């Protein structure tokens, strides 16, 4: 799962999902029909935030980015000043989004995992400076030095030497591997840079952190979250994972653009094997409890009104510190220039940056069909959460920035909705141009070196596992055996390169497969790469080295 900062859609990254398409008239009409029901009768001015203006912003965002449902909450000075829903939980169905609708918060889960380790540190059960192998003796990275020097803190800060999204195919888009197996396979995931050399977002080390929480606490991750966060804070609707959703739960359905064009519900996903990286489902109502505790330095009032503490202020300062500097990208379009921070970096489960002279502590989350953002402004005791059920990062970013301006600098505002829509169009245009160039360079008249049967067989990658290519009905089919969703048809592209088109078109992860032959004319290995620049980075096909299993 991601962060958002690159102009391509990333479901789990912290990068900016900036893909937008033409307005969906039916969606806008459906939204208007439900807006009146969503507005509470007592709606009044929320500090500098006008509810009528907020309604207008949300409907603009929903129309421009084709988002079926949105939920927003704002906390200020220890109080909940807004929690609302707009639109529908699933396109074409009547159930409305409200403040209690559950969305996958995806990588916003990472803050809970970091806080879990901080709690255990406060209790003296571990230190963030401990070596990981002291608690998980079987932990291994692909380099012995990194294995021995990896500290608990390094699991949280994205500076291990792994590449962007390395190992994500072990659990994206879902696999049969257990959490223990995912962590075991980490030993074969290649490193791309030196240890602590530079920032590169990953999820697999948060899968390791999940296992560490369980080992040190003696509890399952689900039990730890429930007992140490959800129950004390009164987050009654929150579920630790999609597996824990109950019949009748008020849960949203994710939506994606199949083939980057047609909006429809996307495939369900559960990260049973990497829950600490992005498994939690929550509502804006419940997330207000989390934001208030964060802004209060880790403290909260229990059901009897007594002051309690989740973690120490010392640990919170560490979680909110800039540990791994992140490159500050140039704005995708000039209109986004006011959002460019003076500093940007990752702490422990949180990103820190600046905006209009204030420090921001924030994170984004990406899931199949759902993306979100949680933003804290400690200097103003302000928190904002935006949850959506469409893969459009421009939507949650635009709403967050509009609300930030209302509170921080109402006299000097930017039209963030237009700015992010322009950036989305720019990203799509660049992707289309890159594809046109690739098609123009293709030798369409070339033929495969081998008959189709010559490419069929079982292939194995050291860290991922088994992938099979079979000949069926005069065509080649590819199946990632631990990942049922990664099943598709191979179409000849040129020479010994094929394009695999996955059966589920909402994956938006088609990839090129190139077979290399040995001197005897047999396949020596197969390599893969994403076909589109818009493909989510969690499809880390480029790290696979598929060897035939003779």
Protein backbone atom coordinates (compact mmCIF):
# COMPACT_ATOMS: atom_id res chain seq x y z
CA UNK A 1 0.00 0.00 0.00
CA UNK A 2 1.16 3.36 -0.52
CA UNK A 3 2.04 6.82 -0.07
CA UNK A 4 1.33 9.33 -2.74
CA UNK A 5 3.86 11.61 -4.44
CA UNK A 6 4.33 10.39 -7.96
CA UNK A 7 1.86 11.38 -10.65
CA UNK A 8 0.75 7.81 -11.16
CA UNK A 9 -1.98 5.98 -9.26
CA UNK A 10 -0.49 4.16 -6.30
CA UNK A 11 -2.86 2.23 -4.18
CA UNK A 12 -0.50 1.89 -1.20
CA UNK A 13 2.06 4.55 -1.63
CA UNK A 14 2.33 7.98 -0.25
CA UNK A 15 2.60 9.40 -3.69
CA UNK A 16 -0.14 11.47 -5.29
CA UNK A 17 -2.73 9.45 -7.23
CA UNK A 18 -3.26 11.94 -9.99
CA UNK A 19 -5.40 10.12 -12.52
CA UNK A 20 -8.69 11.81 -13.43
CA UNK A 21 -11.08 11.39 -16.30
CA UNK A 22 -14.20 13.03 -17.68
CA UNK A 23 -17.06 13.82 -15.26
CA UNK A 24 -19.63 11.11 -14.70
CA UNK A 25 -23.03 12.80 -15.06
CA UNK A 26 -25.03 9.93 -13.59
CA UNK A 27 -22.72 9.85 -10.58
CA UNK A 28 -23.18 13.57 -9.98
CA UNK A 29 -26.95 13.24 -10.19
CA UNK A 30 -26.93 10.32 -7.77
CA UNK A 31 -24.83 12.42 -5.41
CA UNK A 32 -27.21 15.36 -5.48
CA UNK A 33 -30.13 13.09 -4.67
CA UNK A 34 -28.44 12.07 -1.43
CA UNK A 35 -26.76 15.28 -0.29
CA UNK A 36 -29.83 16.54 1.55
CA UNK A 37 -30.03 13.33 3.58
CA UNK A 38 -26.33 13.59 4.45
CA UNK A 39 -26.53 17.12 5.90
CA UNK A 40 -27.37 17.02 9.61
CA UNK A 41 -30.25 19.26 10.64
CA UNK A 42 -27.95 21.06 13.08
CA UNK A 43 -25.30 21.91 10.46
CA UNK A 44 -23.83 25.32 11.25
CA UNK A 45 -20.63 27.20 10.60
CA UNK A 46 -17.63 25.02 11.57
CA UNK A 47 -15.12 27.68 12.59
CA UNK A 48 -13.92 29.10 9.27
CA UNK A 49 -15.40 26.14 7.35
CA UNK A 50 -18.80 26.86 5.80
CA UNK A 51 -20.85 23.62 5.47
CA UNK A 52 -22.45 24.83 2.25
CA UNK A 53 -19.01 25.56 0.81
CA UNK A 54 -17.78 22.14 1.91
CA UNK A 55 -20.76 20.51 0.19
CA UNK A 56 -19.86 22.35 -3.00
CA UNK A 57 -16.22 21.24 -2.76
CA UNK A 58 -17.13 17.60 -2.17
CA UNK A 59 -19.57 17.50 -5.07
CA UNK A 60 -17.01 19.14 -7.37
CA UNK A 61 -14.45 16.54 -6.32
CA UNK A 62 -16.88 13.66 -6.75
CA UNK A 63 -17.79 14.82 -10.23
CA UNK A 64 -14.32 15.68 -11.49
CA UNK A 65 -12.65 12.56 -10.13
CA UNK A 66 -15.65 10.20 -10.44
CA UNK A 67 -15.78 9.21 -6.79
CA UNK A 68 -18.97 7.38 -5.74
CA UNK A 69 -18.57 8.04 -2.00
CA UNK A 70 -16.59 10.35 0.28
CA UNK A 71 -16.44 10.74 4.06
CA UNK A 72 -14.70 13.63 5.85
CA UNK A 73 -14.09 14.46 9.51
CA UNK A 74 -12.35 17.41 11.17
CA UNK A 75 -11.20 17.74 14.78
CA UNK A 76 -10.13 21.06 16.28
CA UNK A 77 -8.95 21.92 19.78
CA UNK A 78 -9.85 18.48 21.08
CA UNK A 79 -13.39 18.50 19.68
CA UNK A 80 -15.04 16.86 16.68
CA UNK A 81 -16.33 19.76 14.59
CA UNK A 82 -17.36 17.79 11.51
CA UNK A 83 -18.01 14.19 10.48
CA UNK A 84 -20.02 13.62 7.33
CA UNK A 85 -20.58 11.35 4.38
CA UNK A 86 -21.54 12.07 0.79
CA UNK A 87 -22.58 9.83 -2.08
CA UNK A 88 -22.99 6.07 -2.09
CA UNK A 89 -21.16 3.04 -0.77
CA UNK A 90 -21.39 1.30 -4.15
CA UNK A 91 -22.14 2.74 -7.56
CA UNK A 92 -25.68 1.90 -8.69
CA UNK A 93 -26.90 0.95 -5.21
CA UNK A 94 -28.86 3.19 -2.82
CA UNK A 95 -26.93 2.78 0.45
CA UNK A 96 -25.47 6.17 1.35
CA UNK A 97 -22.05 6.91 2.83
CA UNK A 98 -22.24 8.36 6.34
CA UNK A 99 -19.79 9.11 9.13
CA UNK A 100 -19.84 5.45 10.22
CA UNK A 101 -19.18 3.90 6.79
CA UNK A 102 -16.10 1.68 6.87
CA UNK A 103 -13.37 2.18 4.28
CA UNK A 104 -10.01 0.47 3.92
CA UNK A 105 -7.59 3.03 5.39
CA UNK A 106 -4.72 1.04 3.84
CA UNK A 107 -1.28 2.49 4.68
CA UNK A 108 -2.77 4.74 7.35
CA UNK A 109 -2.58 1.45 9.29
CA UNK A 110 1.19 1.95 9.51
CA UNK A 111 0.74 4.58 12.24
CA UNK A 112 -1.04 1.97 14.38
CA UNK A 113 1.79 -0.51 13.83
CA UNK A 114 4.41 2.09 14.76
CA UNK A 115 2.37 3.04 17.84
CA UNK A 116 2.13 -0.64 18.81
CA UNK A 117 5.92 -0.93 18.90
CA UNK A 118 6.10 2.36 20.82
CA UNK A 119 3.74 0.96 23.44
CA UNK A 120 5.93 -2.12 23.83
CA UNK A 121 8.97 0.17 24.11
CA UNK A 122 7.26 2.22 26.84
CA UNK A 123 6.66 -1.03 28.72
CA UNK A 124 10.33 -2.00 28.44
CA UNK A 125 9.58 -5.07 26.36
CA UNK A 126 11.76 -3.87 23.51
CA UNK A 127 13.69 -0.82 22.38
CA UNK A 128 13.39 0.77 18.96
CA UNK A 129 17.21 0.52 18.89
CA UNK A 130 17.17 -3.26 19.40
CA UNK A 131 18.41 -5.42 16.57
CA UNK A 132 15.51 -7.18 14.88
CA UNK A 133 17.28 -10.55 15.15
CA UNK A 134 17.25 -10.20 18.95
CA UNK A 135 13.48 -10.66 18.83
CA UNK A 136 13.07 -12.56 15.55
CA UNK A 137 16.11 -14.88 15.33
CA UNK A 138 15.06 -16.21 11.92
CA UNK A 139 14.80 -12.71 10.37
CA UNK A 140 16.96 -12.38 7.25
CA UNK A 141 17.61 -9.75 4.61
CA UNK A 142 19.46 -10.59 1.39
CA UNK A 143 22.67 -9.08 2.80
CA UNK A 144 24.18 -10.51 6.04
CA UNK A 145 25.40 -7.09 7.19
CA UNK A 146 21.95 -5.54 6.80
CA UNK A 147 20.42 -8.52 8.60
CA UNK A 148 22.70 -8.03 11.58
CA UNK A 149 22.39 -4.25 11.76
CA UNK A 150 18.66 -3.85 11.09
CA UNK A 151 17.06 -2.18 14.12
CA UNK A 152 13.40 -2.20 15.07
CA UNK A 153 13.16 1.47 14.02
CA UNK A 154 14.48 0.56 10.55
CA UNK A 155 11.38 -1.55 9.94
CA UNK A 156 9.31 1.65 10.07
CA UNK A 157 11.34 4.27 8.21
CA UNK A 158 11.76 3.05 4.59
CA UNK A 159 15.56 3.29 4.39
CA UNK A 160 16.58 -0.37 4.42
CA UNK A 161 18.08 -0.50 0.91
CA UNK A 162 15.03 -2.21 -0.58
CA UNK A 163 13.62 -0.71 -3.76
CA UNK A 164 10.25 1.00 -4.08
CA UNK A 165 7.50 -1.51 -3.25
CA UNK A 166 9.98 -4.40 -3.12
CA UNK A 167 8.31 -7.71 -2.35
CA UNK A 168 4.77 -6.36 -2.67
CA UNK A 169 3.76 -9.16 -5.04
CA UNK A 170 3.92 -11.48 -2.03
CA UNK A 171 0.66 -9.92 -0.84
CA UNK A 172 -0.51 -7.63 -3.66
CA UNK A 173 -3.05 -8.26 -5.12
CA UNK A 174 -3.52 -10.97 -2.49
CA UNK A 175 -1.77 -14.30 -2.06
CA UNK A 176 -2.01 -17.57 -0.16
CA UNK A 177 1.21 -16.93 1.76
CA UNK A 178 1.09 -16.55 5.55
CA UNK A 179 2.69 -13.62 7.34
CA UNK A 180 5.49 -15.92 8.47
CA UNK A 181 6.13 -17.03 4.89
CA UNK A 182 6.19 -13.44 3.62
CA UNK A 183 8.81 -12.54 6.23
CA UNK A 184 10.81 -15.69 5.46
CA UNK A 185 10.90 -14.84 1.74
CA UNK A 186 12.32 -11.39 2.52
CA UNK A 187 15.79 -12.99 2.54
CA UNK A 188 15.67 -13.30 -1.24
CA UNK A 189 14.16 -9.88 -2.07
CA UNK A 190 17.00 -7.91 -3.71
CA UNK A 191 18.42 -4.72 -2.23
CA UNK A 192 18.77 -1.73 -4.54
CA UNK A 193 20.84 0.73 -2.47
CA UNK A 194 23.05 0.82 0.57
CA UNK A 195 21.62 0.34 4.06
CA UNK A 196 20.08 3.63 5.29
CA UNK A 197 21.38 5.31 2.15
CA UNK A 198 18.09 6.74 0.89
CA UNK A 199 14.32 6.67 1.25
CA UNK A 200 12.32 4.07 -0.70
CA UNK A 201 8.78 3.20 0.39
CA UNK A 202 8.09 -0.44 1.18
CA UNK A 203 5.37 -2.54 2.79
CA UNK A 204 7.17 -5.80 3.45
CA UNK A 205 9.10 -4.51 6.47
CA UNK A 206 5.79 -3.49 8.03
CA UNK A 207 4.75 -7.11 7.50
CA UNK A 208 7.85 -7.94 9.53
CA UNK A 209 6.84 -5.37 12.15
CA UNK A 210 3.44 -7.09 12.36
CA UNK A 211 5.16 -10.33 13.26
CA UNK A 212 7.39 -8.53 15.75
CA UNK A 213 4.38 -7.06 17.57
CA UNK A 214 2.92 -10.54 17.87
CA UNK A 215 6.18 -12.13 19.04
CA UNK A 216 6.92 -9.54 21.73
CA UNK A 217 3.35 -9.02 22.96
CA UNK A 218 2.32 -12.67 22.87
CA UNK A 219 -0.91 -11.62 21.14
CA UNK A 220 -2.17 -11.71 17.60
CA UNK A 221 -1.94 -8.38 15.79
CA UNK A 222 -5.75 -8.28 15.63
CA UNK A 223 -6.05 -8.82 19.37
CA UNK A 224 -3.38 -6.23 20.16
CA UNK A 225 -5.08 -3.53 18.06
CA UNK A 226 -8.49 -4.33 19.54
CA UNK A 227 -7.36 -4.30 23.17
CA UNK A 228 -4.81 -1.50 23.03
CA UNK A 229 -6.43 0.95 20.56
CA UNK A 230 -9.94 0.21 19.34
CA UNK A 231 -11.58 -0.66 22.68
CA UNK A 232 -9.95 2.09 24.80
CA UNK A 233 -10.59 4.79 22.20
CA UNK A 234 -14.16 3.69 21.49
CA UNK A 235 -13.43 2.84 17.85
CA UNK A 236 -16.32 0.39 17.96
CA UNK A 237 -16.83 0.01 14.22
CA UNK A 238 -13.16 -0.39 13.25
CA UNK A 239 -11.96 -3.78 12.00
CA UNK A 240 -8.33 -4.85 11.92
CA UNK A 241 -8.66 -6.34 8.45
CA UNK A 242 -11.16 -7.11 5.70
CA UNK A 243 -11.36 -10.66 7.10
CA UNK A 244 -12.92 -9.19 10.25
CA UNK A 245 -15.76 -7.39 8.45
CA UNK A 246 -19.10 -8.70 9.75
CA UNK A 247 -22.37 -9.35 7.96
CA UNK A 248 -24.32 -6.13 7.95
CA UNK A 249 -21.28 -3.89 8.44
CA UNK A 250 -21.71 -0.44 6.91
CA UNK A 251 -18.77 -0.92 4.54
CA UNK A 252 -17.93 0.82 1.28
CA UNK A 253 -17.04 -1.02 -1.92
CA UNK A 254 -13.89 -0.05 -3.81
CA UNK A 255 -14.08 1.25 -7.38
CA UNK A 256 -11.44 1.45 -10.10
CA UNK A 257 -11.19 2.40 -13.76
CA UNK A 258 -11.02 -0.88 -15.66
CA UNK A 259 -8.37 -0.41 -18.36
CA UNK A 260 -7.94 3.09 -16.90
CA UNK A 261 -11.26 4.08 -18.49
CA UNK A 262 -14.50 2.57 -17.14
CA UNK A 263 -15.43 2.96 -13.47
CA UNK A 264 -16.68 -0.19 -11.77
CA UNK A 265 -16.39 -2.09 -8.47
CA UNK A 266 -13.00 -3.69 -8.09
CA UNK A 267 -11.82 -6.96 -6.59
CA UNK A 268 -11.94 -7.51 -2.80
CA UNK A 269 -8.62 -7.81 -0.98
CA UNK A 270 -7.45 -8.77 2.46
CA UNK A 271 -3.88 -8.42 3.68
CA UNK A 272 -4.06 -11.34 6.09
CA UNK A 273 -0.31 -11.77 5.57
CA UNK A 274 0.77 -8.11 5.95
CA UNK A 275 -1.96 -6.57 8.09
CA UNK A 276 0.34 -4.09 9.82
CA UNK A 277 1.23 -2.55 6.46
CA UNK A 278 -2.32 -1.64 5.55
CA UNK A 279 -5.13 -3.89 6.73
CA UNK A 280 -7.39 -1.70 8.90
CA UNK A 281 -10.96 -0.74 7.95
CA UNK A 282 -12.34 2.31 9.75
CA UNK A 283 -14.79 5.20 9.50
CA UNK A 284 -14.27 8.93 9.82
CA UNK A 285 -16.23 8.78 13.09
CA UNK A 286 -13.77 6.31 14.58
CA UNK A 287 -10.75 8.05 13.08
CA UNK A 288 -11.66 11.23 14.98
CA UNK A 289 -10.88 9.27 18.17
CA UNK A 290 -7.48 8.33 16.79
CA UNK A 291 -6.66 11.87 15.61
CA UNK A 292 -7.68 13.44 18.95
CA UNK A 293 -5.45 11.01 20.86
CA UNK A 294 -2.55 11.75 18.51
CA UNK A 295 -2.99 15.52 18.83
CA UNK A 296 -3.20 15.14 22.63
CA UNK A 297 0.26 13.57 22.74
CA UNK A 298 -1.00 10.02 23.12
CA UNK A 299 -3.54 10.70 25.87
CA UNK A 300 -7.32 10.30 25.85
CA UNK A 301 -10.31 10.26 28.20
CA UNK A 302 -11.83 6.85 28.92
CA UNK A 303 -15.54 6.08 29.19
CA UNK A 304 -15.55 7.41 32.78
CA UNK A 305 -13.81 10.62 31.74
CA UNK A 306 -10.50 9.65 33.33
CA UNK A 307 -7.29 10.60 31.56
CA UNK A 308 -5.48 7.61 30.06
CA UNK A 309 -2.42 7.26 27.85
CA UNK A 310 -1.69 5.11 24.80
CA UNK A 311 2.02 5.89 24.56
CA UNK A 312 4.47 8.40 26.02
CA UNK A 313 5.01 11.87 24.65
CA UNK A 314 8.65 10.92 24.12
CA UNK A 315 7.65 8.09 21.82
CA UNK A 316 5.22 10.32 19.96
CA UNK A 317 7.96 12.87 19.28
CA UNK A 318 10.01 10.07 17.75
CA UNK A 319 7.11 8.88 15.61
CA UNK A 320 6.63 12.45 14.36
CA UNK A 321 10.35 13.12 13.79
CA UNK A 322 11.94 13.38 10.36
CA UNK A 323 14.13 10.27 10.24
CA UNK A 324 14.34 9.49 6.52
CA UNK A 325 14.56 12.57 4.27
CA UNK A 326 12.38 12.28 1.20
CA UNK A 327 13.08 14.03 -2.10
CA UNK A 328 10.84 17.05 -2.65
CA UNK A 329 9.37 16.71 -6.14
CA UNK A 330 8.70 19.60 -8.45
CA UNK A 331 4.98 20.31 -8.80
CA UNK A 332 3.34 18.28 -11.55
CA UNK A 333 1.64 21.46 -12.78
CA UNK A 334 2.33 25.12 -11.84
CA UNK A 335 -0.95 25.40 -9.92
CA UNK A 336 0.37 22.91 -7.33
CA UNK A 337 3.40 25.08 -6.52
CA UNK A 338 1.89 26.48 -3.26
CA UNK A 339 1.80 22.95 -1.83
CA UNK A 340 5.55 22.42 -2.24
CA UNK A 341 6.95 21.92 1.30
CA UNK A 342 10.13 23.36 2.80
CA UNK A 343 10.96 19.93 4.22
CA UNK A 344 9.64 16.41 3.67
CA UNK A 345 10.52 13.18 5.40
CA UNK A 346 9.35 9.96 6.96
CA UNK A 347 9.25 9.27 10.68
CA UNK A 348 7.77 6.13 12.24
CA UNK A 349 4.52 5.45 10.43
CA UNK A 350 4.02 9.14 9.60
CA UNK A 351 5.25 11.68 7.07
CA UNK A 352 6.25 15.15 8.18
CA UNK A 353 6.30 18.23 5.98
CA UNK A 354 5.43 21.92 6.04
CA UNK A 355 2.54 23.96 4.69
CA UNK A 356 1.89 27.69 5.14
CA UNK A 357 4.39 27.88 7.99
CA UNK A 358 2.93 24.92 9.89
CA UNK A 359 4.32 21.44 10.42
CA UNK A 360 2.09 18.74 8.96
CA UNK A 361 2.07 15.14 10.20
CA UNK A 362 0.24 12.98 7.70
CA UNK A 363 -0.05 9.79 5.69
CA UNK A 364 -2.03 8.45 2.78
CA UNK A 365 -3.41 5.02 2.06
CA UNK A 366 -4.13 3.13 -1.14
CA UNK A 367 -6.18 -0.04 -1.58
CA UNK A 368 -7.94 -1.61 -4.55
CA UNK A 369 -10.63 0.98 -5.18
CA UNK A 370 -10.11 3.04 -2.00
CA UNK A 371 -7.63 5.80 -1.17
CA UNK A 372 -7.44 8.05 1.87
CA UNK A 373 -5.48 10.68 3.76
CA UNK A 374 -5.06 11.56 7.45
CA UNK A 375 -3.51 14.98 8.16
CA UNK A 376 -2.58 16.50 11.53
CA UNK A 377 -1.51 20.10 12.17
CA UNK A 378 -0.11 19.90 15.73
CA UNK A 379 0.50 23.67 16.00
CA UNK A 380 -3.20 24.34 15.39
CA UNK A 381 -4.56 21.24 17.19
CA UNK A 382 -6.24 20.37 13.89
CA UNK A 383 -6.90 17.00 12.28
CA UNK A 384 -8.50 16.08 8.95
CA UNK A 385 -9.38 12.66 7.56
CA UNK A 386 -10.72 12.02 4.05
CA UNK A 387 -11.82 8.51 3.02
CA UNK A 388 -12.92 7.67 -0.54
CA UNK A 389 -14.03 4.61 -2.51
CA UNK A 390 -12.25 5.33 -5.80
CA UNK A 391 -8.57 5.20 -6.79
CA UNK A 392 -8.20 8.95 -7.31
CA UNK A 393 -5.57 10.48 -5.06
CA UNK A 394 -6.35 13.91 -6.48
CA UNK A 395 -9.73 13.70 -4.75
CA UNK A 396 -8.52 13.25 -1.17
CA UNK A 397 -5.63 15.64 -1.67
CA UNK A 398 -7.82 18.38 -3.11
CA UNK A 399 -10.34 18.14 -0.26
CA UNK A 400 -7.61 18.04 2.38
CA UNK A 401 -5.90 21.11 0.96
CA UNK A 402 -9.19 23.04 0.60
CA UNK A 403 -9.99 22.40 4.27
CA UNK A 404 -6.43 23.23 5.38
CA UNK A 405 -6.65 26.60 3.63
CA UNK A 406 -9.98 27.34 5.30
CA UNK A 407 -8.35 26.92 8.73
CA UNK A 408 -4.80 28.11 8.11
CA UNK A 409 -5.06 30.99 5.67
CA UNK A 410 -8.63 31.67 4.53
CA UNK A 411 -7.69 34.98 2.88
CA UNK A 412 -5.18 33.30 0.53
CA UNK A 413 -6.60 30.19 -1.06
CA UNK A 414 -5.77 28.03 -4.06
CA UNK A 415 -8.34 26.20 -6.16
CA UNK A 416 -6.91 22.81 -5.29
CA UNK A 417 -9.68 20.93 -7.05
CA UNK A 418 -8.77 22.48 -10.37
CA UNK A 419 -5.04 22.10 -9.66
CA UNK A 420 -5.22 18.39 -8.92
CA UNK A 421 -7.57 17.82 -11.86
CA UNK A 422 -5.00 19.51 -14.14
CA UNK A 423 -2.23 17.35 -12.68
CA UNK A 424 -4.31 14.22 -13.25
CA UNK A 425 -4.89 15.16 -16.87
CA UNK A 426 -1.21 15.90 -17.30
CA UNK A 427 -0.24 12.48 -15.89
CA UNK A 428 -2.69 10.72 -18.17
CA UNK A 429 -1.44 12.62 -21.21
CA UNK A 430 2.16 11.64 -20.42
CA UNK A 431 1.15 8.00 -20.04
CA UNK A 432 -0.72 8.04 -23.33
CA UNK A 433 2.28 9.60 -25.07
CA UNK A 434 4.64 6.99 -23.61
CA UNK A 435 2.36 4.22 -24.86
CA UNK A 436 2.17 5.70 -28.35
CA UNK A 437 5.97 5.78 -28.50
CA UNK A 438 6.17 2.17 -27.36
CA UNK A 439 3.67 1.07 -30.02
CA UNK A 440 5.55 3.00 -32.69
CA UNK A 441 8.81 1.25 -31.76
CA UNK A 442 7.22 -2.20 -31.90
CA UNK A 443 8.22 -4.59 -34.66
CA UNK A 444 4.71 -5.94 -35.26
CA UNK A 445 5.84 -8.17 -38.13
CA UNK A 446 8.29 -10.16 -36.03
CA UNK A 447 7.54 -13.72 -34.97
CA UNK A 448 8.32 -15.65 -31.79
CA UNK A 449 11.51 -17.71 -31.96
CA UNK A 450 9.72 -20.80 -30.63
CA UNK A 451 6.35 -22.46 -31.09
CA UNK A 452 4.04 -21.49 -28.20
CA UNK A 453 4.68 -24.81 -26.48
CA UNK A 454 8.35 -23.84 -26.22
CA UNK A 455 7.50 -21.07 -23.76
CA UNK A 456 5.13 -23.14 -21.64
CA UNK A 457 6.29 -24.57 -18.35
CA UNK A 458 6.73 -23.91 -14.65
CA UNK A 459 8.91 -20.95 -13.70
CA UNK A 460 10.24 -20.05 -10.26
CA UNK A 461 11.51 -16.81 -8.76
CA UNK A 462 13.67 -17.00 -5.63
CA UNK A 463 11.62 -14.57 -3.54
CA UNK A 464 8.15 -14.79 -5.10
CA UNK A 465 7.73 -18.45 -5.90
CA UNK A 466 6.05 -20.28 -8.77
CA UNK A 467 4.55 -18.89 -11.97
CA UNK A 468 3.22 -21.20 -14.67
CA UNK A 469 2.79 -20.62 -18.39
CA UNK A 470 0.47 -23.07 -20.08
CA UNK A 471 -0.80 -23.50 -23.62
CA UNK A 472 -4.58 -23.54 -23.80
CA UNK A 473 -6.67 -23.44 -26.97
CA UNK A 474 -3.91 -22.08 -29.18
CA UNK A 475 -2.83 -19.34 -26.76
CA UNK A 476 -0.53 -18.95 -23.77
CA UNK A 477 -1.89 -18.34 -20.28
CA UNK A 478 0.13 -17.11 -17.28
CA UNK A 479 -0.79 -17.85 -13.67
CA UNK A 480 0.98 -16.65 -10.52
CA UNK A 481 0.25 -19.74 -8.45
CA UNK A 482 0.08 -18.13 -4.96
CA UNK A 483 -1.90 -15.14 -6.36
CA UNK A 484 -5.16 -16.22 -8.05
CA UNK A 485 -5.96 -12.73 -9.36
CA UNK A 486 -2.77 -12.73 -11.43
CA UNK A 487 -4.11 -14.93 -14.19
CA UNK A 488 -4.10 -13.69 -17.76
CA UNK A 489 -3.51 -14.28 -21.43
CA UNK A 490 -0.19 -13.73 -23.19
CA UNK A 491 -0.44 -11.83 -26.48
CA UNK A 492 2.58 -11.73 -28.76
CA UNK A 493 4.14 -8.28 -28.80
CA UNK A 494 7.38 -8.67 -30.74
CA UNK A 495 10.20 -11.21 -31.05
CA UNK A 496 10.21 -13.16 -27.75
CA UNK A 497 8.25 -10.55 -25.80
CA UNK A 498 4.59 -11.00 -24.93
CA UNK A 499 2.03 -8.76 -23.24
CA UNK A 500 0.12 -10.42 -20.40
CA UNK A 501 -3.39 -9.03 -20.04
CA UNK A 502 -4.88 -9.98 -16.69
CA UNK A 503 -8.42 -11.33 -16.64
CA UNK A 504 -9.52 -8.81 -14.01
CA UNK A 505 -9.30 -5.52 -15.88
CA UNK A 506 -9.52 -3.38 -12.73
CA UNK A 507 -6.01 -4.52 -11.81
CA UNK A 508 -4.56 -2.09 -14.38
CA UNK A 509 -1.35 -4.04 -14.13
CA UNK A 510 -0.73 -5.55 -17.59
CA UNK A 511 2.92 -6.41 -18.08
CA UNK A 512 5.46 -7.31 -20.73
CA UNK A 513 7.05 -10.76 -20.43
CA UNK A 514 10.36 -11.25 -22.26
CA UNK A 515 11.81 -14.74 -22.65
CA UNK A 516 15.58 -15.12 -23.04
CA UNK A 517 16.85 -18.24 -24.84
CA UNK A 518 19.99 -20.26 -24.24
CA UNK A 519 22.36 -21.51 -26.95
CA UNK A 520 20.17 -24.60 -27.45
CA UNK A 521 17.11 -22.48 -28.19
CA UNK A 522 15.41 -23.21 -24.89
CA UNK A 523 14.07 -20.60 -22.46
CA UNK A 524 16.81 -19.62 -19.99
CA UNK A 525 14.74 -17.08 -18.00
CA UNK A 526 11.80 -14.71 -18.24
CA UNK A 527 11.74 -11.08 -17.12
CA UNK A 528 8.76 -8.78 -16.68
CA UNK A 529 7.97 -5.07 -16.52
CA UNK A 530 4.76 -3.07 -16.16
CA UNK A 531 3.31 -2.00 -19.49
CA UNK A 532 1.94 1.38 -18.37
CA UNK A 533 3.53 4.22 -16.42
CA UNK A 534 0.20 4.45 -14.57
CA UNK A 535 0.53 0.95 -13.09
CA UNK A 536 0.72 0.78 -9.32
CA UNK A 537 4.27 0.29 -8.09
CA UNK A 538 3.19 -2.66 -5.92
CA UNK A 539 3.22 -4.70 -9.11
CA UNK A 540 6.98 -5.06 -8.70
CA UNK A 541 7.32 -7.33 -11.73
CA UNK A 542 10.72 -5.84 -12.56
CA UNK A 543 12.35 -7.62 -9.60
CA UNK A 544 11.32 -11.09 -10.76
CA UNK A 545 13.89 -13.46 -12.24
CA UNK A 546 11.75 -16.33 -13.50
CA UNK A 547 13.82 -19.48 -14.07
CA UNK A 548 12.38 -22.57 -15.78
CA UNK A 549 11.91 -25.51 -13.43
CA UNK A 550 13.22 -28.38 -15.52
